[in-house]
N, C-alpha and C. Protein backbone atom coordinates (compact mmCIF):
# COMPACT_ATOMS: atom_id res chain seq x y z
N MET A 1 -5.18 -36.00 -2.46
CA MET A 1 -5.34 -35.26 -1.32
C MET A 1 -5.14 -33.87 -1.57
N THR A 2 -6.21 -33.05 -1.20
CA THR A 2 -6.07 -31.53 -1.31
C THR A 2 -5.59 -30.95 0.11
N PRO A 3 -4.45 -30.43 0.06
CA PRO A 3 -3.86 -29.80 1.28
C PRO A 3 -4.60 -28.71 1.93
N VAL A 4 -4.42 -28.34 3.17
CA VAL A 4 -4.74 -27.11 3.86
C VAL A 4 -3.57 -26.29 3.46
N VAL A 5 -3.78 -25.08 2.83
CA VAL A 5 -2.75 -24.20 2.34
C VAL A 5 -2.90 -22.89 2.94
N HIS A 6 -1.83 -22.33 3.59
CA HIS A 6 -1.69 -20.96 3.97
C HIS A 6 -0.57 -20.36 3.37
N ILE A 7 -0.58 -18.99 3.28
CA ILE A 7 0.38 -18.16 2.66
C ILE A 7 0.97 -17.17 3.58
N LEU A 8 2.44 -16.94 3.28
CA LEU A 8 2.96 -16.02 3.96
C LEU A 8 3.74 -15.17 3.10
N LEU A 9 3.56 -13.79 3.35
CA LEU A 9 4.04 -12.75 2.27
C LEU A 9 4.96 -11.81 3.13
N PRO A 10 6.09 -11.98 3.09
CA PRO A 10 7.03 -11.20 3.94
C PRO A 10 7.68 -10.01 2.99
N ASP A 11 7.41 -8.81 3.38
CA ASP A 11 7.97 -7.56 2.76
C ASP A 11 7.59 -7.54 1.29
N ILE A 12 6.43 -7.73 0.97
CA ILE A 12 6.00 -7.61 -0.31
C ILE A 12 5.75 -6.06 -0.54
N ARG A 13 6.15 -5.44 -1.71
CA ARG A 13 6.31 -4.16 -1.76
C ARG A 13 4.96 -3.44 -2.37
N SER A 14 4.18 -4.09 -3.30
CA SER A 14 3.05 -3.67 -4.02
C SER A 14 1.81 -4.09 -3.38
N ALA A 15 1.08 -3.16 -2.98
CA ALA A 15 -0.40 -3.52 -2.58
C ALA A 15 -1.16 -4.15 -3.64
N TYR A 16 -0.91 -3.80 -4.91
CA TYR A 16 -1.61 -4.43 -6.02
C TYR A 16 -1.29 -6.00 -5.99
N ASN A 17 -0.09 -6.34 -5.71
CA ASN A 17 0.32 -7.67 -5.77
C ASN A 17 -0.35 -8.44 -4.49
N VAL A 18 -0.34 -7.77 -3.33
CA VAL A 18 -1.02 -8.31 -2.24
C VAL A 18 -2.57 -8.52 -2.51
N GLY A 19 -3.20 -7.56 -3.09
CA GLY A 19 -4.48 -7.74 -3.51
C GLY A 19 -4.92 -8.90 -4.48
N SER A 20 -4.03 -8.90 -5.39
CA SER A 20 -3.98 -10.09 -6.50
C SER A 20 -3.82 -11.44 -5.85
N ILE A 21 -3.00 -11.52 -4.94
CA ILE A 21 -2.61 -12.78 -4.13
C ILE A 21 -3.90 -13.19 -3.26
N PHE A 22 -4.52 -12.19 -2.64
CA PHE A 22 -5.77 -12.44 -1.93
C PHE A 22 -6.85 -13.03 -2.84
N ARG A 23 -6.97 -12.30 -3.92
CA ARG A 23 -8.00 -13.03 -4.99
C ARG A 23 -7.79 -14.34 -5.37
N SER A 24 -6.54 -14.65 -5.64
CA SER A 24 -6.02 -15.93 -5.99
C SER A 24 -6.41 -16.89 -4.92
N ALA A 25 -5.87 -16.59 -3.80
CA ALA A 25 -6.10 -17.47 -2.59
C ALA A 25 -7.62 -17.79 -2.48
N ASP A 26 -8.39 -16.81 -2.58
CA ASP A 26 -9.94 -17.18 -2.55
C ASP A 26 -10.46 -18.02 -3.58
N CYS A 27 -9.96 -17.61 -4.91
CA CYS A 27 -10.35 -18.39 -6.03
C CYS A 27 -9.87 -20.03 -6.07
N PHE A 28 -8.59 -20.21 -5.41
CA PHE A 28 -8.10 -21.53 -5.50
C PHE A 28 -8.38 -22.31 -4.05
N GLY A 29 -8.72 -21.62 -3.12
CA GLY A 29 -9.06 -22.32 -1.85
C GLY A 29 -7.85 -22.32 -0.73
N ALA A 30 -7.04 -21.44 -0.81
CA ALA A 30 -6.13 -21.25 0.32
C ALA A 30 -7.07 -20.71 1.43
N LEU A 31 -6.57 -21.00 2.64
CA LEU A 31 -7.44 -20.86 3.90
C LEU A 31 -6.95 -19.51 4.75
N LYS A 32 -5.71 -19.01 4.53
CA LYS A 32 -5.27 -17.79 5.37
C LYS A 32 -4.07 -17.30 4.88
N LEU A 33 -3.89 -15.97 4.96
CA LEU A 33 -2.75 -15.19 4.61
C LEU A 33 -2.17 -14.61 5.79
N TYR A 34 -0.81 -14.54 5.98
CA TYR A 34 -0.02 -13.95 6.99
C TYR A 34 0.86 -12.93 6.21
N LEU A 35 0.79 -11.73 6.71
CA LEU A 35 1.55 -10.54 6.17
C LEU A 35 2.52 -10.08 7.21
N THR A 36 3.84 -9.93 6.77
CA THR A 36 4.82 -9.49 7.72
C THR A 36 5.66 -8.39 7.26
N GLY A 37 6.33 -7.74 8.12
CA GLY A 37 7.19 -6.63 7.78
C GLY A 37 6.53 -5.59 7.11
N THR A 38 6.95 -5.06 5.97
CA THR A 38 6.45 -3.95 5.25
C THR A 38 5.30 -4.22 4.30
N THR A 39 4.78 -5.54 4.19
CA THR A 39 3.81 -5.89 3.26
C THR A 39 2.53 -5.13 3.65
N PRO A 40 1.78 -4.48 2.75
CA PRO A 40 0.67 -3.68 2.96
C PRO A 40 -0.57 -4.65 3.28
N ARG A 41 -1.31 -4.00 4.22
CA ARG A 41 -2.34 -4.74 4.84
C ARG A 41 -3.68 -4.31 4.21
N PRO A 42 -4.77 -5.16 4.15
CA PRO A 42 -6.12 -4.83 3.60
C PRO A 42 -6.76 -3.42 4.30
N VAL A 43 -6.43 -3.15 5.58
CA VAL A 43 -6.90 -1.96 6.21
C VAL A 43 -5.73 -1.16 6.92
N ASP A 44 -5.86 0.08 6.87
CA ASP A 44 -4.86 0.87 7.58
C ASP A 44 -4.99 0.90 9.10
N ARG A 45 -4.16 1.68 9.73
CA ARG A 45 -4.26 1.69 11.29
C ARG A 45 -5.56 2.19 11.69
N PHE A 46 -6.29 2.91 10.90
CA PHE A 46 -7.66 3.35 11.31
C PHE A 46 -8.69 2.53 10.88
N ASN A 47 -8.37 1.24 10.48
CA ASN A 47 -9.29 0.18 9.93
C ASN A 47 -10.20 0.81 8.72
N ARG A 48 -9.52 1.50 7.85
CA ARG A 48 -10.01 1.90 6.58
C ARG A 48 -9.38 1.08 5.57
N PRO A 49 -10.23 0.72 4.49
CA PRO A 49 -9.85 -0.25 3.47
C PRO A 49 -8.55 0.44 2.77
N GLN A 50 -7.55 -0.39 2.40
CA GLN A 50 -6.45 -0.08 1.56
C GLN A 50 -6.92 -0.14 0.06
N LYS A 51 -7.17 1.00 -0.61
CA LYS A 51 -7.73 1.10 -2.09
C LYS A 51 -7.09 0.11 -3.04
N GLU A 52 -5.77 0.14 -3.00
CA GLU A 52 -5.08 -0.60 -4.03
C GLU A 52 -5.30 -2.18 -3.79
N ILE A 53 -5.41 -2.52 -2.61
CA ILE A 53 -5.61 -3.96 -2.23
C ILE A 53 -6.95 -4.35 -2.65
N ALA A 54 -7.85 -3.47 -2.29
CA ALA A 54 -9.38 -3.69 -2.47
C ALA A 54 -9.72 -3.76 -4.08
N LYS A 55 -8.86 -2.89 -4.94
CA LYS A 55 -9.01 -2.85 -6.30
C LYS A 55 -8.65 -4.14 -6.89
N THR A 56 -7.66 -4.80 -6.65
CA THR A 56 -7.16 -6.10 -7.26
C THR A 56 -7.78 -7.31 -6.52
N ALA A 57 -8.04 -7.27 -5.16
CA ALA A 57 -8.71 -8.40 -4.52
C ALA A 57 -10.08 -8.66 -4.83
N LEU A 58 -10.77 -7.54 -5.29
CA LEU A 58 -12.21 -7.71 -5.67
C LEU A 58 -12.97 -8.54 -4.45
N GLY A 59 -12.86 -8.31 -3.23
CA GLY A 59 -13.46 -8.94 -2.20
C GLY A 59 -12.69 -10.16 -1.50
N GLY A 60 -11.68 -10.52 -2.21
CA GLY A 60 -10.87 -11.53 -1.63
C GLY A 60 -10.21 -11.25 -0.15
N GLU A 61 -9.99 -9.93 -0.14
CA GLU A 61 -9.38 -9.46 1.08
C GLU A 61 -10.36 -9.70 2.34
N LYS A 62 -11.68 -9.76 2.11
CA LYS A 62 -12.61 -9.95 3.14
C LYS A 62 -13.08 -11.38 3.17
N ALA A 63 -12.83 -12.19 2.15
CA ALA A 63 -13.21 -13.44 2.09
C ALA A 63 -12.21 -14.43 2.88
N ILE A 64 -10.88 -14.07 2.80
CA ILE A 64 -9.73 -14.93 3.31
C ILE A 64 -9.33 -14.16 4.58
N PRO A 65 -9.25 -14.92 5.74
CA PRO A 65 -8.63 -14.59 7.01
C PRO A 65 -7.22 -14.13 6.89
N TRP A 66 -6.85 -13.14 7.46
CA TRP A 66 -5.32 -12.82 7.45
C TRP A 66 -4.91 -12.19 8.85
N GLU A 67 -3.64 -12.27 9.06
CA GLU A 67 -2.97 -11.83 10.29
C GLU A 67 -1.83 -11.03 9.88
N TYR A 68 -1.34 -10.14 10.78
CA TYR A 68 -0.18 -9.48 10.57
C TYR A 68 0.78 -9.72 11.66
N PHE A 69 2.12 -10.04 11.38
CA PHE A 69 3.06 -10.16 12.38
C PHE A 69 4.19 -9.45 12.01
N ASP A 70 5.04 -9.13 12.88
CA ASP A 70 6.29 -8.23 12.58
C ASP A 70 7.18 -8.92 11.77
N THR A 71 7.47 -10.35 12.06
CA THR A 71 8.56 -11.10 11.24
C THR A 71 7.94 -12.33 10.76
N ALA A 72 8.65 -12.66 9.59
CA ALA A 72 8.10 -14.10 9.02
C ALA A 72 8.64 -15.28 10.00
N LYS A 73 9.71 -15.05 10.74
CA LYS A 73 10.04 -16.17 11.55
C LYS A 73 9.05 -16.50 12.63
N GLU A 74 8.32 -15.45 13.21
CA GLU A 74 7.17 -15.73 14.09
C GLU A 74 6.16 -16.65 13.50
N VAL A 75 5.75 -16.45 12.20
CA VAL A 75 4.78 -17.11 11.50
C VAL A 75 5.25 -18.57 11.21
N ILE A 76 6.48 -18.65 10.87
CA ILE A 76 7.14 -20.02 10.50
C ILE A 76 7.17 -20.90 11.85
N LYS A 77 7.38 -20.25 12.93
CA LYS A 77 7.48 -21.01 14.14
C LYS A 77 6.19 -21.47 14.58
N LYS A 78 5.13 -20.65 14.43
CA LYS A 78 3.87 -21.06 14.78
C LYS A 78 3.19 -22.15 13.79
N ALA A 79 3.52 -21.99 12.47
CA ALA A 79 3.22 -22.87 11.53
C ALA A 79 3.80 -24.30 11.87
N LYS A 80 5.13 -24.29 12.13
CA LYS A 80 5.69 -25.70 12.40
C LYS A 80 5.17 -26.28 13.68
N LYS A 81 4.81 -25.53 14.54
CA LYS A 81 4.16 -26.02 15.79
C LYS A 81 2.79 -26.56 15.41
N ASP A 82 1.97 -25.95 14.46
CA ASP A 82 0.80 -26.46 13.99
C ASP A 82 0.89 -27.50 12.96
N GLY A 83 2.07 -28.14 12.61
CA GLY A 83 2.16 -29.30 11.79
C GLY A 83 2.23 -28.96 10.35
N PHE A 84 2.53 -27.66 9.91
CA PHE A 84 2.58 -27.24 8.61
C PHE A 84 3.98 -27.60 8.03
N THR A 85 4.12 -28.03 6.74
CA THR A 85 5.23 -28.17 5.96
C THR A 85 5.55 -26.85 5.43
N ILE A 86 6.66 -26.18 5.59
CA ILE A 86 7.19 -24.83 5.32
C ILE A 86 7.93 -25.02 3.79
N VAL A 87 7.19 -24.18 2.93
CA VAL A 87 7.71 -24.30 1.57
C VAL A 87 7.91 -22.99 1.14
N ALA A 88 8.95 -22.54 0.66
CA ALA A 88 9.36 -21.37 -0.03
C ALA A 88 9.33 -21.60 -1.47
N ILE A 89 8.78 -20.72 -2.25
CA ILE A 89 8.73 -20.57 -3.70
C ILE A 89 9.88 -19.72 -4.25
N GLU A 90 10.87 -20.30 -4.62
CA GLU A 90 12.09 -19.45 -4.88
C GLU A 90 13.05 -20.24 -5.89
N GLN A 91 13.83 -19.60 -6.59
CA GLN A 91 14.87 -20.15 -7.42
C GLN A 91 16.16 -20.36 -6.43
N SER A 92 16.63 -21.59 -6.25
CA SER A 92 17.83 -21.63 -5.55
C SER A 92 18.50 -23.00 -5.96
N SER A 93 19.72 -23.35 -5.49
CA SER A 93 20.43 -24.60 -6.00
C SER A 93 19.76 -25.74 -5.16
N LYS A 94 18.95 -25.42 -4.22
CA LYS A 94 18.25 -26.51 -3.47
C LYS A 94 16.80 -26.75 -3.89
N SER A 95 16.40 -25.85 -4.83
CA SER A 95 15.00 -26.03 -5.13
C SER A 95 14.74 -27.15 -6.12
N ILE A 96 13.37 -27.65 -5.89
CA ILE A 96 12.91 -28.72 -6.85
C ILE A 96 11.73 -28.11 -7.61
N ASP A 97 11.44 -28.73 -8.78
CA ASP A 97 10.31 -28.38 -9.59
C ASP A 97 9.06 -28.72 -8.90
N ILE A 98 8.20 -27.71 -8.96
CA ILE A 98 6.76 -27.88 -8.19
C ILE A 98 6.16 -29.22 -8.60
N LYS A 99 6.33 -29.74 -9.84
CA LYS A 99 5.62 -31.01 -10.21
C LYS A 99 6.19 -32.05 -9.48
N THR A 100 7.45 -32.10 -8.83
CA THR A 100 7.98 -33.22 -8.23
C THR A 100 7.69 -33.13 -6.73
N PHE A 101 7.16 -32.09 -6.23
CA PHE A 101 6.95 -31.76 -4.93
C PHE A 101 5.80 -32.79 -4.37
N THR A 102 6.01 -33.38 -3.33
CA THR A 102 4.98 -34.21 -2.65
C THR A 102 4.24 -33.37 -1.68
N LYS A 103 2.88 -33.40 -1.94
CA LYS A 103 1.96 -32.59 -1.18
C LYS A 103 1.92 -33.19 0.30
N THR A 104 1.80 -32.41 1.20
CA THR A 104 1.51 -32.82 2.68
C THR A 104 0.13 -32.43 3.01
N GLU A 105 -0.21 -32.75 4.17
CA GLU A 105 -1.70 -32.34 4.74
C GLU A 105 -1.79 -30.92 4.83
N LYS A 106 -0.81 -30.19 5.29
CA LYS A 106 -0.81 -28.68 5.56
C LYS A 106 0.48 -28.09 5.04
N ILE A 107 0.29 -27.04 4.31
CA ILE A 107 1.49 -26.37 3.61
C ILE A 107 1.35 -24.94 3.84
N LEU A 108 2.52 -24.49 4.31
CA LEU A 108 2.72 -22.77 4.44
C LEU A 108 3.63 -22.56 3.21
N CYS A 109 3.03 -21.71 2.21
CA CYS A 109 3.79 -21.12 1.06
C CYS A 109 4.20 -19.79 1.32
N ILE A 110 5.51 -19.70 1.13
CA ILE A 110 6.28 -18.45 1.32
C ILE A 110 6.51 -17.85 -0.07
N PHE A 111 5.98 -16.77 -0.31
CA PHE A 111 6.31 -15.87 -1.55
C PHE A 111 6.99 -14.66 -1.06
N GLY A 112 8.23 -14.41 -1.96
CA GLY A 112 9.13 -13.47 -1.52
C GLY A 112 8.95 -12.15 -2.15
N ASN A 113 9.74 -11.07 -1.75
CA ASN A 113 9.62 -9.82 -2.27
C ASN A 113 10.04 -9.71 -3.81
N GLU A 114 9.42 -8.73 -4.37
CA GLU A 114 9.24 -8.49 -5.80
C GLU A 114 10.77 -8.34 -6.32
N VAL A 115 11.70 -7.85 -5.55
CA VAL A 115 12.98 -7.65 -6.11
C VAL A 115 14.01 -8.70 -5.44
N ASP A 116 14.02 -8.85 -4.16
CA ASP A 116 14.97 -9.78 -3.53
C ASP A 116 14.53 -11.18 -3.34
N GLY A 117 13.29 -11.59 -3.52
CA GLY A 117 12.80 -12.95 -3.31
C GLY A 117 12.65 -13.26 -1.86
N VAL A 118 12.74 -14.52 -1.59
CA VAL A 118 12.71 -15.10 -0.10
C VAL A 118 14.18 -14.92 0.45
N PRO A 119 14.26 -14.21 1.60
CA PRO A 119 15.60 -13.98 2.18
C PRO A 119 16.20 -15.25 2.57
N LYS A 120 17.52 -15.44 2.55
CA LYS A 120 18.34 -16.66 2.79
C LYS A 120 18.02 -17.08 4.24
N GLU A 121 17.79 -16.14 5.13
CA GLU A 121 17.58 -16.63 6.63
C GLU A 121 16.12 -17.19 6.69
N ILE A 122 15.28 -16.98 5.70
CA ILE A 122 13.85 -17.55 5.75
C ILE A 122 14.14 -19.00 5.15
N LEU A 123 14.90 -18.99 4.02
CA LEU A 123 15.01 -20.21 3.37
C LEU A 123 15.61 -21.30 4.29
N LYS A 124 16.47 -20.85 5.13
CA LYS A 124 17.12 -21.95 6.02
C LYS A 124 15.98 -22.57 7.00
N LEU A 125 14.81 -21.87 7.08
CA LEU A 125 13.84 -22.44 8.03
C LEU A 125 12.97 -23.31 7.29
N CYS A 126 13.12 -23.39 6.03
CA CYS A 126 11.99 -24.19 5.23
C CYS A 126 12.32 -25.50 5.00
N ASP A 127 11.20 -26.43 4.93
CA ASP A 127 11.30 -27.86 4.87
C ASP A 127 11.63 -28.10 3.20
N GLU A 128 11.16 -27.34 2.34
CA GLU A 128 11.26 -27.44 0.93
C GLU A 128 11.43 -26.12 0.15
N VAL A 129 12.08 -25.98 -0.77
CA VAL A 129 12.18 -24.92 -1.77
C VAL A 129 11.76 -25.34 -3.15
N ILE A 130 10.55 -24.81 -3.61
CA ILE A 130 10.15 -25.32 -4.90
C ILE A 130 10.19 -24.10 -5.87
N GLU A 131 10.13 -24.42 -7.20
CA GLU A 131 10.22 -23.42 -8.13
C GLU A 131 9.35 -23.82 -9.32
N ILE A 132 9.03 -22.93 -10.15
CA ILE A 132 8.20 -23.22 -11.37
C ILE A 132 9.20 -23.26 -12.55
N ASP A 133 9.14 -24.28 -13.32
CA ASP A 133 10.05 -24.45 -14.54
C ASP A 133 9.75 -23.20 -15.47
N MET A 134 10.79 -22.43 -15.87
CA MET A 134 10.78 -21.45 -16.81
C MET A 134 11.14 -21.92 -18.28
N LYS A 135 10.49 -21.51 -19.29
CA LYS A 135 10.88 -21.95 -20.62
C LYS A 135 11.52 -20.86 -21.33
N GLY A 136 11.14 -19.47 -21.13
CA GLY A 136 11.46 -18.39 -21.90
C GLY A 136 12.80 -17.87 -21.45
N GLU A 137 13.09 -16.67 -21.96
CA GLU A 137 14.18 -15.84 -21.62
C GLU A 137 14.12 -15.39 -20.15
N LYS A 138 12.96 -14.93 -19.69
CA LYS A 138 12.74 -14.39 -18.47
C LYS A 138 12.99 -15.40 -17.37
N GLU A 139 13.73 -15.05 -16.33
CA GLU A 139 14.00 -16.12 -15.23
C GLU A 139 12.92 -16.05 -14.01
N SER A 140 11.94 -15.20 -14.10
CA SER A 140 10.88 -15.11 -13.03
C SER A 140 9.67 -14.60 -13.45
N LEU A 141 8.52 -14.78 -12.55
CA LEU A 141 7.40 -14.27 -12.75
C LEU A 141 7.13 -13.22 -11.73
N ASN A 142 6.18 -12.30 -12.04
CA ASN A 142 5.59 -11.57 -11.02
C ASN A 142 5.09 -12.28 -9.83
N VAL A 143 5.27 -11.84 -8.58
CA VAL A 143 5.07 -12.52 -7.42
C VAL A 143 3.46 -12.89 -7.33
N SER A 144 2.66 -12.19 -7.74
CA SER A 144 1.16 -12.47 -7.66
C SER A 144 0.72 -13.52 -8.89
N VAL A 145 1.46 -13.42 -10.01
CA VAL A 145 1.42 -14.48 -10.95
C VAL A 145 1.76 -15.76 -10.50
N CYS A 146 3.01 -15.78 -9.96
CA CYS A 146 3.66 -16.98 -9.38
C CYS A 146 2.71 -17.69 -8.35
N ALA A 147 2.15 -16.87 -7.40
CA ALA A 147 1.23 -17.26 -6.47
C ALA A 147 0.10 -18.07 -7.12
N GLY A 148 -0.50 -17.29 -8.20
CA GLY A 148 -1.62 -18.09 -8.76
C GLY A 148 -1.20 -19.39 -9.37
N VAL A 149 -0.09 -19.52 -9.92
CA VAL A 149 0.23 -20.82 -10.44
C VAL A 149 0.61 -21.76 -9.40
N VAL A 150 1.22 -21.49 -8.41
CA VAL A 150 1.62 -22.26 -7.34
C VAL A 150 0.25 -22.91 -6.60
N LEU A 151 -0.74 -21.94 -6.32
CA LEU A 151 -1.89 -22.14 -5.67
C LEU A 151 -2.68 -23.16 -6.61
N TYR A 152 -2.78 -22.98 -7.74
CA TYR A 152 -3.53 -23.92 -8.65
C TYR A 152 -2.94 -25.32 -8.68
N GLU A 153 -1.59 -25.44 -8.79
CA GLU A 153 -0.85 -26.59 -8.80
C GLU A 153 -1.13 -27.34 -7.38
N LEU A 154 -1.17 -26.68 -6.30
CA LEU A 154 -1.06 -27.31 -5.03
C LEU A 154 -2.57 -27.73 -4.71
N LEU A 155 -3.57 -26.76 -5.20
CA LEU A 155 -4.93 -27.02 -4.72
C LEU A 155 -5.92 -27.66 -5.80
N GLN A 156 -5.48 -28.09 -6.99
CA GLN A 156 -6.38 -28.62 -7.86
C GLN A 156 -6.67 -30.02 -7.47
């Protein structure tokens, strides 16, 4: 079963990361992005393209529907009402390896801020917390690289 996957990006700092995630979402078949808080949007308040997002998204920002909400909690509440399993991608004492995660029909993937990750108050609202097993000395991946790996794993 290939699930319906939506993506939530709360407070991502880099427009380049946002653009790269749009591109990966398009490539692997995610259907929607939700941008919240300080996450850069594909267009500014005057509806002009955001150059850094366009540069890395290569059209993905036009191909994938997106919505902006003030808070991640609003998106999570909506997604739960719509029958989505809420999944944070984060290293924590409660996280499981992505390879052991049982896919559901609808999944909302939450990718956290480049420095602080997914906030604890958001983790508490999740049905699952998954992580990618790391083999080297580094403990984490760039958020856009992480999104690509997770989307590939969930949508293959």
